[in-house]
Protein backbone atom coordinates (compact mmCIF):
# COMPACT_ATOMS: atom_id res chain seq x y z
CA MET A 1 -0.04 -0.01 -0.10
CA ASP A 2 1.63 3.41 -1.11
CA LEU A 3 1.47 6.63 0.65
CA LYS A 4 -1.36 8.01 -1.87
CA GLU A 5 -3.68 5.20 -0.92
CA ILE A 6 -3.10 5.66 2.65
CA GLN A 7 -3.88 9.62 2.31
CA ASN A 8 -6.97 8.63 0.32
CA LEU A 9 -8.18 5.98 3.04
CA ILE A 10 -7.58 8.67 5.80
CA LYS A 11 -9.58 11.38 3.90
CA PHE A 12 -12.45 8.62 3.48
CA VAL A 13 -12.70 7.99 7.06
CA ALA A 14 -12.44 11.36 8.15
CA LYS A 15 -15.46 12.29 5.98
CA SER A 16 -17.35 8.95 6.95
CA GLY A 17 -17.66 10.13 10.55
CA ALA A 18 -16.27 6.68 11.81
CA SER A 19 -14.26 7.22 14.76
CA GLU A 20 -12.03 4.20 14.11
CA VAL A 21 -10.84 1.84 11.45
CA LYS A 22 -8.39 -0.82 11.15
CA LEU A 23 -7.14 -2.39 8.33
CA GLU A 24 -4.45 -5.27 8.35
CA MET A 25 -2.79 -6.68 5.25
CA ASP A 26 0.04 -9.06 4.89
CA ASP A 27 3.01 -6.62 6.03
CA ILE A 28 1.34 -3.77 7.10
CA LYS A 29 -1.30 -2.67 10.15
CA ILE A 30 -2.99 0.50 9.74
CA THR A 31 -5.39 2.08 12.30
CA ILE A 32 -7.04 5.39 11.70
CA LYS A 33 -8.55 7.12 14.81
CA THR A 34 -10.84 10.48 14.80
CA THR A 35 -11.85 12.48 17.44
CA GLU A 36 -15.04 14.58 17.45
CA GLU A 37 -13.84 17.71 18.94
CA ASN A 38 -11.16 18.64 16.48
CA LYS A 39 -11.95 16.49 13.40
CA GLU A 40 -8.28 15.57 13.08
CA ALA A 41 -7.26 11.92 12.18
CA THR A 42 -4.44 10.18 13.79
CA THR A 43 -2.71 7.31 11.73
CA ILE A 44 -0.72 4.32 13.28
CA VAL A 45 1.27 2.47 10.65
CA GLN A 46 2.77 -0.72 11.83
CA HIS A 47 5.13 -2.62 9.24
CA LEU A 48 4.93 -6.18 10.31
CA PRO A 49 8.31 -8.14 9.75
CA ALA A 50 7.92 -11.56 8.45
CA ALA A 51 9.17 -13.18 11.73
CA GLY A 52 5.62 -12.18 13.18
CA THR A 53 7.06 -9.38 15.83
CA VAL A 54 5.72 -6.06 15.80
CA ALA A 55 7.77 -3.30 14.48
CA PRO A 56 7.71 0.18 16.47
CA GLN A 57 4.74 2.30 15.59
CA GLN A 58 4.86 5.46 13.79
CA MET A 59 2.24 8.02 14.37
CA ALA A 60 1.32 10.86 12.03
CA PRO A 61 -1.33 13.40 12.89
CA VAL A 62 -2.99 14.34 9.87
CA GLN A 63 -4.93 17.39 9.42
CA THR A 64 -8.21 16.87 7.82
CA GLN A 65 -11.07 19.19 6.17
CA GLN A 66 -13.82 20.01 8.56
CA VAL A 67 -17.12 19.46 7.05
CA ALA A 68 -19.34 22.44 7.65
CA SER A 69 -23.00 22.63 6.95
CA THR A 70 -22.79 26.18 5.76
CA PRO A 71 -19.73 28.02 4.39
CA PRO A 72 -18.56 31.15 6.37
CA ALA A 73 -20.05 34.57 4.84
CA VAL A 74 -17.04 36.66 3.19
CA THR A 75 -17.74 40.36 2.93
CA PRO A 76 -15.13 42.34 0.81
CA THR A 77 -13.81 45.26 2.55
CA ASN A 78 -11.93 46.77 -0.25
CA GLU A 79 -11.34 45.94 -3.83
CA ALA A 80 -7.56 45.52 -3.72
CA PRO A 81 -7.77 41.88 -2.60
CA ALA A 82 -10.56 40.97 -5.03
CA ALA A 83 -8.31 42.43 -7.94
CA ALA A 84 -5.26 40.39 -6.54
CA ALA A 85 -7.73 37.30 -6.37
CA GLU A 86 -8.78 37.75 -10.18
CA ASP A 87 -5.23 38.18 -11.05
CA ASN A 88 -4.43 34.99 -9.54
CA SER A 89 -7.31 33.02 -11.23
CA LYS A 90 -5.45 32.97 -14.54
CA TYR A 91 -2.41 30.86 -12.63
CA ILE A 92 -2.57 27.11 -12.22
CA THR A 93 -1.75 26.20 -8.62
CA ILE A 94 0.62 23.52 -8.36
CA LYS A 95 -0.04 21.79 -4.64
CA SER A 96 1.60 19.13 -2.66
CA PRO A 97 0.59 15.68 -3.18
CA ILE A 98 2.05 14.68 0.09
CA ILE A 99 2.52 15.55 3.63
CA GLY A 100 6.45 16.20 4.40
CA THR A 101 9.25 18.58 4.14
CA LEU A 102 9.69 20.51 1.00
CA TYR A 103 13.23 21.05 -0.32
CA ARG A 104 13.76 23.29 -3.43
CA LYS A 105 17.43 21.98 -4.02
CA PRO A 106 18.51 18.51 -4.74
CA SER A 107 21.06 19.02 -2.26
CA PRO A 108 22.52 21.98 -0.24
CA ASP A 109 25.41 22.70 -2.50
CA LYS A 110 23.06 22.55 -5.78
CA PRO A 111 20.65 25.43 -7.19
CA THR A 112 17.43 25.40 -6.87
CA PHE A 113 15.17 23.38 -9.23
CA VAL A 114 13.02 26.13 -10.42
CA GLU A 115 12.93 29.88 -9.74
CA VAL A 116 10.31 32.68 -10.42
CA GLY A 117 10.38 33.47 -13.95
CA ASP A 118 11.66 29.89 -14.95
CA SER A 119 9.81 28.33 -17.78
CA ILE A 120 8.67 24.71 -17.17
CA LYS A 121 7.47 22.03 -19.18
CA GLU A 122 5.15 18.48 -18.17
CA GLY A 123 7.66 16.21 -16.20
CA ASP A 124 10.06 18.79 -14.84
CA VAL A 125 11.17 18.34 -11.38
CA LEU A 126 10.03 21.33 -9.08
CA CYS A 127 11.12 20.24 -5.70
CA ILE A 128 11.49 17.46 -3.48
CA ILE A 129 9.26 16.70 -0.50
CA GLU A 130 10.69 14.11 2.23
CA ALA A 131 8.02 11.86 3.94
CA MET A 132 9.20 9.19 6.45
CA LYS A 133 12.75 9.32 5.00
CA LEU A 134 11.87 8.91 1.55
CA PHE A 135 12.60 11.81 -1.02
CA ASN A 136 10.03 12.12 -3.46
CA GLU A 137 10.63 14.31 -6.52
CA ILE A 138 7.53 16.52 -7.29
CA GLU A 139 7.17 16.64 -11.41
CA SER A 140 5.05 19.49 -13.08
CA GLU A 141 2.00 18.37 -14.45
CA VAL A 142 1.75 21.60 -16.84
CA SER A 143 3.93 23.76 -18.97
CA GLY A 144 4.32 27.45 -18.27
CA LYS A 145 6.29 30.09 -16.16
CA ILE A 146 6.70 30.13 -12.85
CA VAL A 147 4.99 33.30 -11.38
CA LYS A 148 5.47 32.62 -7.56
CA VAL A 149 7.02 30.07 -5.14
CA LEU A 150 4.48 29.93 -2.05
CA VAL A 151 6.80 27.83 0.23
CA ASP A 152 10.21 28.55 1.71
CA ASP A 153 13.02 25.83 1.28
CA SER A 154 13.20 23.35 4.19
CA SER A 155 9.49 23.93 5.18
CA PRO A 156 6.91 21.42 6.37
CA VAL A 157 4.11 21.01 3.78
CA GLU A 158 0.61 19.67 4.36
CA PHE A 159 -1.36 17.50 1.49
CA ASP A 160 -2.92 19.74 -0.86
CA GLN A 161 -0.84 22.88 0.07
CA PRO A 162 -0.35 25.44 -2.70
CA LEU A 163 3.38 25.38 -3.68
CA PHE A 164 3.70 27.21 -6.92
CA LEU A 165 1.96 29.58 -9.36
CA VAL A 166 2.37 28.60 -12.85
CA ASP A 167 1.45 30.95 -15.93
CA PRO A 168 0.08 28.36 -18.38
CA SER A 169 0.26 30.96 -21.39
């Protein structure tokens, strides 16, 4: 079971309203517990060795979206933020596919993968996100020009957090 499947399972459990779900497969045991007061899910993943002994647990608190019955009302106070939002609407937002620590460079002594103003094409590596001691290259799914970098180097990122703004034109 890969990280994306686990994240989808966490979202499903959080939205379903279940308080606890346990899933056991050949070499992995997953327990997802949600609490009613803050709607956060805690995931416990155990990798079970072939000998039958239980490995130490890794706990990862995962922030999930709160389900609200009515969205909060927003009243515009001036037109400047509205104009900025309209300007950003023509850009594509590249979001984090996983939770982890974002690195903009392949190593500390190398240059960054992309800077503002760089042209990118589909498949170009934009950054690396470290999750559970694994370094995952984040590739662009769009072509265009980097307009804004929204996250600093060595920063923690959440699932679906905006990382870059890209002008597709």
